[in-house]
PDB file of N, CA and C in Angstrom:
ATOM      1  N   MET A   1    -115.140  59.615 171.550  1.00  0.00           N
ATOM      2  CA  MET A   1    -115.058  60.869 172.279  1.00  0.00           C
ATOM      3  C   MET A   1    -115.261  62.048 171.333  1.00  0.00           C
ATOM      4  N   THR A   2    -114.678  61.998 170.152  1.00  0.00           N
ATOM      5  CA  THR A   2    -114.847  63.078 169.194  1.00  0.00           C
ATOM      6  C   THR A   2    -116.303  63.210 168.786  1.00  0.00           C
ATOM      7  N   THR A   3    -116.996  62.096 168.608  1.00  0.00           N
ATOM      8  CA  THR A   3    -118.403  62.133 168.254  1.00  0.00           C
ATOM      9  C   THR A   3    -119.209  62.791 169.365  1.00  0.00           C
ATOM     10  N   ALA A   4    -118.905  62.472 170.601  1.00  0.00           N
ATOM     11  CA  ALA A   4    -119.615  63.070 171.732  1.00  0.00           C
ATOM     12  C   ALA A   4    -119.380  64.577 171.779  1.00  0.00           C
ATOM     13  N   ARG A   5    -118.152  64.992 171.562  1.00  0.00           N
ATOM     14  CA  ARG A   5    -117.844  66.430 171.556  1.00  0.00           C
ATOM     15  C   ARG A   5    -118.566  67.139 170.422  1.00  0.00           C
ATOM     16  N   THR A   6    -118.628  66.514 169.280  1.00  0.00           N
ATOM     17  CA  THR A   6    -119.327  67.097 168.143  1.00  0.00           C
ATOM     18  C   THR A   6    -120.806  67.240 168.458  1.00  0.00           C
ATOM     19  N   LEU A   7    -121.380  66.219 169.076  1.00  0.00           N
ATOM     20  CA  LEU A   7    -122.790  66.267 169.450  1.00  0.00           C
ATOM     21  C   LEU A   7    -123.044  67.374 170.458  1.00  0.00           C
ATOM     22  N   VAL A   8    -122.203  67.486 171.473  1.00  0.00           N
ATOM     23  CA  VAL A   8    -122.362  68.538 172.472  1.00  0.00           C
ATOM     24  C   VAL A   8    -122.239  69.909 171.811  1.00  0.00           C
ATOM     25  N   ALA A   9    -121.274  70.064 170.945  1.00  0.00           N
ATOM     26  CA  ALA A   9    -121.100  71.340 170.250  1.00  0.00           C
ATOM     27  C   ALA A   9    -122.330  71.688 169.419  1.00  0.00           C
ATOM     28  N   ALA A  10    -122.889  70.694 168.742  1.00  0.00           N
ATOM     29  CA  ALA A  10    -124.096  70.935 167.941  1.00  0.00           C
ATOM     30  C   ALA A  10    -125.272  71.326 168.825  1.00  0.00           C
ATOM     31  N   LEU A  11    -125.411  70.660 169.973  1.00  0.00           N
ATOM     32  CA  LEU A  11    -126.495  71.006 170.902  1.00  0.00           C
ATOM     33  C   LEU A  11    -126.318  72.406 171.458  1.00  0.00           C
ATOM     34  N   LEU A  12    -125.096  72.747 171.802  1.00  0.00           N
ATOM     35  CA  LEU A  12    -124.842  74.093 172.310  1.00  0.00           C
ATOM     36  C   LEU A  12    -125.078  75.145 171.236  1.00  0.00           C
ATOM     37  N   LEU A  13    -124.721  74.825 170.027  1.00  0.00           N
ATOM     38  CA  LEU A  13    -124.958  75.742 168.917  1.00  0.00           C
ATOM     39  C   LEU A  13    -126.449  75.998 168.768  1.00  0.00           C
ATOM     40  N   ALA A  14    -127.224  74.955 168.832  1.00  0.00           N
ATOM     41  CA  ALA A  14    -128.673  75.102 168.729  1.00  0.00           C
ATOM     42  C   ALA A  14    -129.224  75.882 169.921  1.00  0.00           C
ATOM     43  N   ALA A  15    -128.712  75.607 171.098  1.00  0.00           N
ATOM     44  CA  ALA A  15    -129.181  76.290 172.306  1.00  0.00           C
ATOM     45  C   ALA A  15    -128.812  77.768 172.305  1.00  0.00           C
ATOM     46  N   CYS A  16    -127.757  78.104 171.623  1.00  0.00           N
ATOM     47  CA  CYS A  16    -127.297  79.491 171.588  1.00  0.00           C
ATOM     48  C   CYS A  16    -127.898  80.254 170.411  1.00  0.00           C
ATOM     49  N   GLY A  17    -128.915  79.718 169.816  1.00  0.00           N
ATOM     50  CA  GLY A  17    -129.578  80.408 168.729  1.00  0.00           C
ATOM     51  C   GLY A  17    -128.758  80.462 167.461  1.00  0.00           C
ATOM     52  N   GLY A  18    -127.900  79.491 167.236  1.00  0.00           N
ATOM     53  CA  GLY A  18    -127.116  79.448 166.011  1.00  0.00           C
ATOM     54  C   GLY A  18    -125.797  80.198 166.090  1.00  0.00           C
ATOM     55  N   LYS A  19    -125.496  80.787 167.249  1.00  0.00           N
ATOM     56  CA  LYS A  19    -124.218  81.475 167.395  1.00  0.00           C
ATOM     57  C   LYS A  19    -123.113  80.431 167.485  1.00  0.00           C
ATOM     58  N   PRO A  20    -121.917  80.760 167.028  1.00  0.00           N
ATOM     59  CA  PRO A  20    -120.810  79.802 167.161  1.00  0.00           C
ATOM     60  C   PRO A  20    -120.569  79.446 168.622  1.00  0.00           C
ATOM     61  N   VAL A  21    -120.208  78.213 168.869  1.00  0.00           N
ATOM     62  CA  VAL A  21    -119.925  77.757 170.222  1.00  0.00           C
ATOM     63  C   VAL A  21    -118.469  78.079 170.541  1.00  0.00           C
ATOM     64  N   PRO A  22    -118.225  78.772 171.646  1.00  0.00           N
ATOM     65  CA  PRO A  22    -116.851  79.115 171.994  1.00  0.00           C
ATOM     66  C   PRO A  22    -116.038  77.876 172.330  1.00  0.00           C
ATOM     67  N   PRO A  23    -114.728  77.944 172.107  1.00  0.00           N
ATOM     68  CA  PRO A  23    -113.879  76.812 172.457  1.00  0.00           C
ATOM     69  C   PRO A  23    -114.029  76.474 173.932  1.00  0.00           C
ATOM     70  N   GLY A  24    -114.099  75.194 174.235  1.00  0.00           N
ATOM     71  CA  GLY A  24    -114.215  74.760 175.615  1.00  0.00           C
ATOM     72  C   GLY A  24    -115.615  74.860 176.189  1.00  0.00           C
ATOM     73  N   ALA A  25    -116.599  75.155 175.355  1.00  0.00           N
ATOM     74  CA  ALA A  25    -117.965  75.322 175.847  1.00  0.00           C
ATOM     75  C   ALA A  25    -118.527  74.026 176.422  1.00  0.00           C
ATOM     76  N   ASP A  26    -117.973  72.888 176.030  1.00  0.00           N
ATOM     77  CA  ASP A  26    -118.431  71.611 176.580  1.00  0.00           C
ATOM     78  C   ASP A  26    -117.616  71.209 177.810  1.00  0.00           C
ATOM     79  N   ASP A  27    -116.723  72.078 178.250  1.00  0.00           N
ATOM     80  CA  ASP A  27    -115.870  71.838 179.406  1.00  0.00           C
ATOM     81  C   ASP A  27    -116.527  72.445 180.643  1.00  0.00           C
ATOM     82  N   VAL A  28    -117.198  71.616 181.440  1.00  0.00           N
ATOM     83  CA  VAL A  28    -117.945  72.094 182.592  1.00  0.00           C
ATOM     84  C   VAL A  28    -117.021  72.784 183.599  1.00  0.00           C
ATOM     85  N   ALA A  29    -115.844  72.248 183.805  1.00  0.00           N
ATOM     86  CA  ALA A  29    -114.896  72.876 184.730  1.00  0.00           C
ATOM     87  C   ALA A  29    -114.507  74.266 184.225  1.00  0.00           C
ATOM     88  N   GLY A  30    -114.363  74.412 182.918  1.00  0.00           N
ATOM     89  CA  GLY A  30    -114.045  75.716 182.332  1.00  0.00           C
ATOM     90  C   GLY A  30    -115.182  76.706 182.515  1.00  0.00           C
ATOM     91  N   ILE A  31    -116.410  76.232 182.360  1.00  0.00           N
ATOM     92  CA  ILE A  31    -117.579  77.086 182.569  1.00  0.00           C
ATOM     93  C   ILE A  31    -117.628  77.532 184.032  1.00  0.00           C
ATOM     94  N   ALA A  32    -117.345  76.613 184.939  1.00  0.00           N
ATOM     95  CA  ALA A  32    -117.323  76.949 186.367  1.00  0.00           C
ATOM     96  C   ALA A  32    -116.217  77.964 186.661  1.00  0.00           C
ATOM     97  N   ALA A  33    -115.082  77.825 185.999  1.00  0.00           N
ATOM     98  CA  ALA A  33    -113.986  78.773 186.217  1.00  0.00           C
ATOM     99  C   ALA A  33    -114.392  80.177 185.769  1.00  0.00           C
ATOM    100  N   ILE A  34    -115.097  80.260 184.662  1.00  0.00           N
ATOM    101  CA  ILE A  34    -115.579  81.563 184.186  1.00  0.00           C
ATOM    102  C   ILE A  34    -116.582  82.128 185.187  1.00  0.00           C
ATOM    103  N   ALA A  35    -117.487  81.289 185.679  1.00  0.00           N
ATOM    104  CA  ALA A  35    -118.464  81.737 186.670  1.00  0.00           C
ATOM    105  C   ALA A  35    -117.765  82.262 187.919  1.00  0.00           C
ATOM    106  N   SER A  36    -116.687  81.607 188.333  1.00  0.00           N
ATOM    107  CA  SER A  36    -115.927  82.053 189.503  1.00  0.00           C
ATOM    108  C   SER A  36    -115.277  83.411 189.251  1.00  0.00           C
ATOM    109  N   GLU A  37    -114.761  83.599 188.042  1.00  0.00           N
ATOM    110  CA  GLU A  37    -114.170  84.894 187.684  1.00  0.00           C
ATOM    111  C   GLU A  37    -115.215  86.001 187.773  1.00  0.00           C
ATOM    112  N   VAL A  38    -116.392  85.718 187.231  1.00  0.00           N
ATOM    113  CA  VAL A  38    -117.467  86.714 187.239  1.00  0.00           C
ATOM    114  C   VAL A  38    -117.911  86.991 188.679  1.00  0.00           C
ATOM    115  N   LYS A  39    -117.999  85.945 189.488  1.00  0.00           N
ATOM    116  CA  LYS A  39    -118.413  86.110 190.885  1.00  0.00           C
ATOM    117  C   LYS A  39    -117.401  86.974 191.646  1.00  0.00           C
ATOM    118  N   ALA A  40    -116.130  86.802 191.340  1.00  0.00           N
ATOM    119  CA  ALA A  40    -115.080  87.559 192.023  1.00  0.00           C
ATOM    120  C   ALA A  40    -115.094  89.041 191.635  1.00  0.00           C
ATOM    121  N   GLU A  41    -115.475  89.320 190.386  1.00  0.00           N
ATOM    122  CA  GLU A  41    -115.492  90.699 189.899  1.00  0.00           C
ATOM    123  C   GLU A  41    -116.754  90.951 189.077  1.00  0.00           C
ATOM    124  N   PRO A  42    -117.917  91.009 189.728  1.00  0.00           N
ATOM    125  CA  PRO A  42    -119.169  91.151 188.991  1.00  0.00           C
ATOM    126  C   PRO A  42    -119.265  92.426 188.150  1.00  0.00           C
ATOM    127  N   ALA A  43    -118.587  93.479 188.558  1.00  0.00           N
ATOM    128  CA  ALA A  43    -118.627  94.720 187.783  1.00  0.00           C
ATOM    129  C   ALA A  43    -117.937  94.564 186.429  1.00  0.00           C
ATOM    130  N   LYS A  44    -117.075  93.558 186.312  1.00  0.00           N
ATOM    131  CA  LYS A  44    -116.349  93.314 185.069  1.00  0.00           C
ATOM    132  C   LYS A  44    -116.906  92.111 184.307  1.00  0.00           C
ATOM    133  N   ALA A  45    -118.133  91.718 184.625  1.00  0.00           N
ATOM    134  CA  ALA A  45    -118.712  90.498 184.046  1.00  0.00           C
ATOM    135  C   ALA A  45    -118.664  90.488 182.523  1.00  0.00           C
ATOM    136  N   ASP A  46    -119.097  91.577 181.898  1.00  0.00           N
ATOM    137  CA  ASP A  46    -119.121  91.600 180.436  1.00  0.00           C
ATOM    138  C   ASP A  46    -117.723  91.466 179.839  1.00  0.00           C
ATOM    139  N   ALA A  47    -116.756  92.136 180.449  1.00  0.00           N
ATOM    140  CA  ALA A  47    -115.380  92.057 179.953  1.00  0.00           C
ATOM    141  C   ALA A  47    -114.818  90.650 180.128  1.00  0.00           C
ATOM    142  N   ILE A  48    -115.112  90.024 181.264  1.00  0.00           N
ATOM    143  CA  ILE A  48    -114.635  88.662 181.517  1.00  0.00           C
ATOM    144  C   ILE A  48    -115.231  87.705 180.500  1.00  0.00           C
ATOM    145  N   LEU A  49    -116.534  87.811 180.292  1.00  0.00           N
ATOM    146  CA  LEU A  49    -117.190  86.939 179.318  1.00  0.00           C
ATOM    147  C   LEU A  49    -116.625  87.158 177.927  1.00  0.00           C
ATOM    148  N   GLN A  50    -116.404  88.418 177.567  1.00  0.00           N
ATOM    149  CA  GLN A  50    -115.855  88.729 176.242  1.00  0.00           C
ATOM    150  C   GLN A  50    -114.466  88.109 176.060  1.00  0.00           C
ATOM    151  N   GLN A  51    -113.653  88.096 177.113  1.00  0.00           N
ATOM    152  CA  GLN A  51    -112.326  87.485 177.038  1.00  0.00           C
ATOM    153  C   GLN A  51    -112.412  86.004 176.691  1.00  0.00           C
ATOM    154  N   HIS A  52    -113.532  85.397 177.054  1.00  0.00           N
ATOM    155  CA  HIS A  52    -113.731  83.972 176.804  1.00  0.00           C
ATOM    156  C   HIS A  52    -114.597  83.726 175.567  1.00  0.00           C
ATOM    157  N   GLY A  53    -114.838  84.775 174.782  1.00  0.00           N
ATOM    158  CA  GLY A  53    -115.620  84.637 173.561  1.00  0.00           C
ATOM    159  C   GLY A  53    -117.111  84.464 173.810  1.00  0.00           C
ATOM    160  N   LEU A  54    -117.584  84.985 174.934  1.00  0.00           N
ATOM    161  CA  LEU A  54    -118.986  84.817 175.313  1.00  0.00           C
ATOM    162  C   LEU A  54    -119.647  86.170 175.527  1.00  0.00           C
ATOM    163  N   ASP A  55    -120.968  86.151 175.530  1.00  0.00           N
ATOM    164  CA  ASP A  55    -121.741  87.282 176.014  1.00  0.00           C
ATOM    165  C   ASP A  55    -122.680  86.734 177.082  1.00  0.00           C
ATOM    166  N   ARG A  56    -123.446  87.595 177.717  1.00  0.00           N
ATOM    167  CA  ARG A  56    -124.309  87.143 178.813  1.00  0.00           C
ATOM    168  C   ARG A  56    -125.304  86.078 178.372  1.00  0.00           C
ATOM    169  N   ALA A  57    -125.924  86.285 177.220  1.00  0.00           N
ATOM    170  CA  ALA A  57    -126.937  85.332 176.753  1.00  0.00           C
ATOM    171  C   ALA A  57    -126.327  83.964 176.461  1.00  0.00           C
ATOM    172  N   THR A  58    -125.174  83.952 175.841  1.00  0.00           N
ATOM    173  CA  THR A  58    -124.522  82.686 175.510  1.00  0.00           C
ATOM    174  C   THR A  58    -124.072  81.969 176.774  1.00  0.00           C
ATOM    175  N   PHE A  59    -123.506  82.720 177.719  1.00  0.00           N
ATOM    176  CA  PHE A  59    -123.067  82.107 178.971  1.00  0.00           C
ATOM    177  C   PHE A  59    -124.257  81.560 179.751  1.00  0.00           C
ATOM    178  N   GLU A  60    -125.345  82.305 179.751  1.00  0.00           N
ATOM    179  CA  GLU A  60    -126.553  81.826 180.432  1.00  0.00           C
ATOM    180  C   GLU A  60    -127.053  80.532 179.793  1.00  0.00           C
ATOM    181  N   ALA A  61    -127.002  80.462 178.476  1.00  0.00           N
ATOM    182  CA  ALA A  61    -127.415  79.235 177.781  1.00  0.00           C
ATOM    183  C   ALA A  61    -126.520  78.061 178.182  1.00  0.00           C
ATOM    184  N   LEU A  62    -125.233  78.310 178.326  1.00  0.00           N
ATOM    185  CA  LEU A  62    -124.310  77.261 178.761  1.00  0.00           C
ATOM    186  C   LEU A  62    -124.656  76.792 180.171  1.00  0.00           C
ATOM    187  N   LEU A  63    -124.982  77.740 181.042  1.00  0.00           N
ATOM    188  CA  LEU A  63    -125.344  77.383 182.411  1.00  0.00           C
ATOM    189  C   LEU A  63    -126.621  76.544 182.444  1.00  0.00           C
ATOM    190  N   TYR A  64    -127.583  76.870 181.590  1.00  0.00           N
ATOM    191  CA  TYR A  64    -128.808  76.066 181.515  1.00  0.00           C
ATOM    192  C   TYR A  64    -128.507  74.660 181.008  1.00  0.00           C
ATOM    193  N   GLN A  65    -127.578  74.544 180.065  1.00  0.00           N
ATOM    194  CA  GLN A  65    -127.190  73.226 179.570  1.00  0.00           C
ATOM    195  C   GLN A  65    -126.569  72.396 180.684  1.00  0.00           C
ATOM    196  N   VAL A  66    -125.739  73.019 181.482  1.00  0.00           N
ATOM    197  CA  VAL A  66    -125.118  72.321 182.610  1.00  0.00           C
ATOM    198  C   VAL A  66    -126.189  71.915 183.617  1.00  0.00           C
ATOM    199  N   ALA A  67    -127.090  72.836 183.934  1.00  0.00           N
ATOM    200  CA  ALA A  67    -128.125  72.565 184.932  1.00  0.00           C
ATOM    201  C   ALA A  67    -129.077  71.449 184.498  1.00  0.00           C
ATOM    202  N   ALA A  68    -129.243  71.277 183.207  1.00  0.00           N
ATOM    203  CA  ALA A  68    -130.167  70.261 182.689  1.00  0.00           C
ATOM    204  C   ALA A  68    -129.602  68.845 182.776  1.00  0.00           C
ATOM    205  N   ASP A  69    -128.317  68.724 183.043  1.00  0.00           N
ATOM    206  CA  ASP A  69    -127.657  67.414 183.084  1.00  0.00           C
ATOM    207  C   ASP A  69    -127.141  67.170 184.503  1.00  0.00           C
ATOM    208  N   PRO A  70    -127.706  66.198 185.225  1.00  0.00           N
ATOM    209  CA  PRO A  70    -127.286  65.964 186.611  1.00  0.00           C
ATOM    210  C   PRO A  70    -125.782  65.714 186.784  1.00  0.00           C
ATOM    211  N   ALA A  71    -125.185  64.982 185.867  1.00  0.00           N
ATOM    212  CA  ALA A  71    -123.742  64.709 185.986  1.00  0.00           C
ATOM    213  C   ALA A  71    -122.934  65.988 185.799  1.00  0.00           C
ATOM    214  N   LYS A  72    -123.329  66.796 184.819  1.00  0.00           N
ATOM    215  CA  LYS A  72    -122.629  68.070 184.595  1.00  0.00           C
ATOM    216  C   LYS A  72    -122.842  69.013 185.773  1.00  0.00           C
ATOM    217  N   SER A  73    -124.056  69.004 186.332  1.00  0.00           N
ATOM    218  CA  SER A  73    -124.351  69.858 187.477  1.00  0.00           C
ATOM    219  C   SER A  73    -123.459  69.493 188.662  1.00  0.00           C
ATOM    220  N   LYS A  74    -123.274  68.208 188.872  1.00  0.00           N
ATOM    221  CA  LYS A  74    -122.420  67.753 189.971  1.00  0.00           C
ATOM    222  C   LYS A  74    -120.968  68.182 189.739  1.00  0.00           C
ATOM    223  N   THR A  75    -120.482  68.033 188.521  1.00  0.00           N
ATOM    224  CA  THR A  75    -119.132  68.467 188.175  1.00  0.00           C
ATOM    225  C   THR A  75    -118.982  69.960 188.371  1.00  0.00           C
ATOM    226  N   TYR A  76    -119.983  70.715 187.922  1.00  0.00           N
ATOM    227  CA  TYR A  76    -119.967  72.176 188.052  1.00  0.00           C
ATOM    228  C   TYR A  76    -119.913  72.586 189.526  1.00  0.00           C
ATOM    229  N   ALA A  77    -120.774  71.993 190.327  1.00  0.00           N
ATOM    230  CA  ALA A  77    -120.802  72.327 191.757  1.00  0.00           C
ATOM    231  C   ALA A  77    -119.474  72.003 192.422  1.00  0.00           C
ATOM    232  N   GLY A  78    -118.881  70.878 192.070  1.00  0.00           N
ATOM    233  CA  GLY A  78    -117.583  70.513 192.630  1.00  0.00           C
ATOM    234  C   GLY A  78    -116.477  71.462 192.205  1.00  0.00           C
ATOM    235  N   ALA A  79    -116.568  71.955 190.982  1.00  0.00           N
ATOM    236  CA  ALA A  79    -115.544  72.870 190.469  1.00  0.00           C
ATOM    237  C   ALA A  79    -115.639  74.254 191.115  1.00  0.00           C
ATOM    238  N   LEU A  80    -116.819  74.621 191.584  1.00  0.00           N
ATOM    239  CA  LEU A  80    -116.989  75.923 192.220  1.00  0.00           C
ATOM    240  C   LEU A  80    -116.438  75.963 193.639  1.00  0.00           C
ATOM    241  N   LYS A  81    -116.244  74.802 194.265  1.00  0.00           N
ATOM    242  CA  LYS A  81    -115.780  74.764 195.658  1.00  0.00           C
ATOM    243  C   LYS A  81    -114.301  75.001 195.746  1.00  0.00           C
TER     244      LYS A  81
END
């Protein structure tokens, strides 16, 4: 499990252009929770993302990573309901 997390973190690091990967970035349910927060208060999107150690570009990269994996996409969709 640790090896898998390390691999995911390395992939996310590469996808984010070398920026550090925020804690929990491999947690699809956590990403969905952040998306729900942003959806609830879109005017505060930047502040919400900043609270989670993210910016728009990094969060978008995380969403693309989730979308590229069918299992993660299914988990994400279930977490949004």
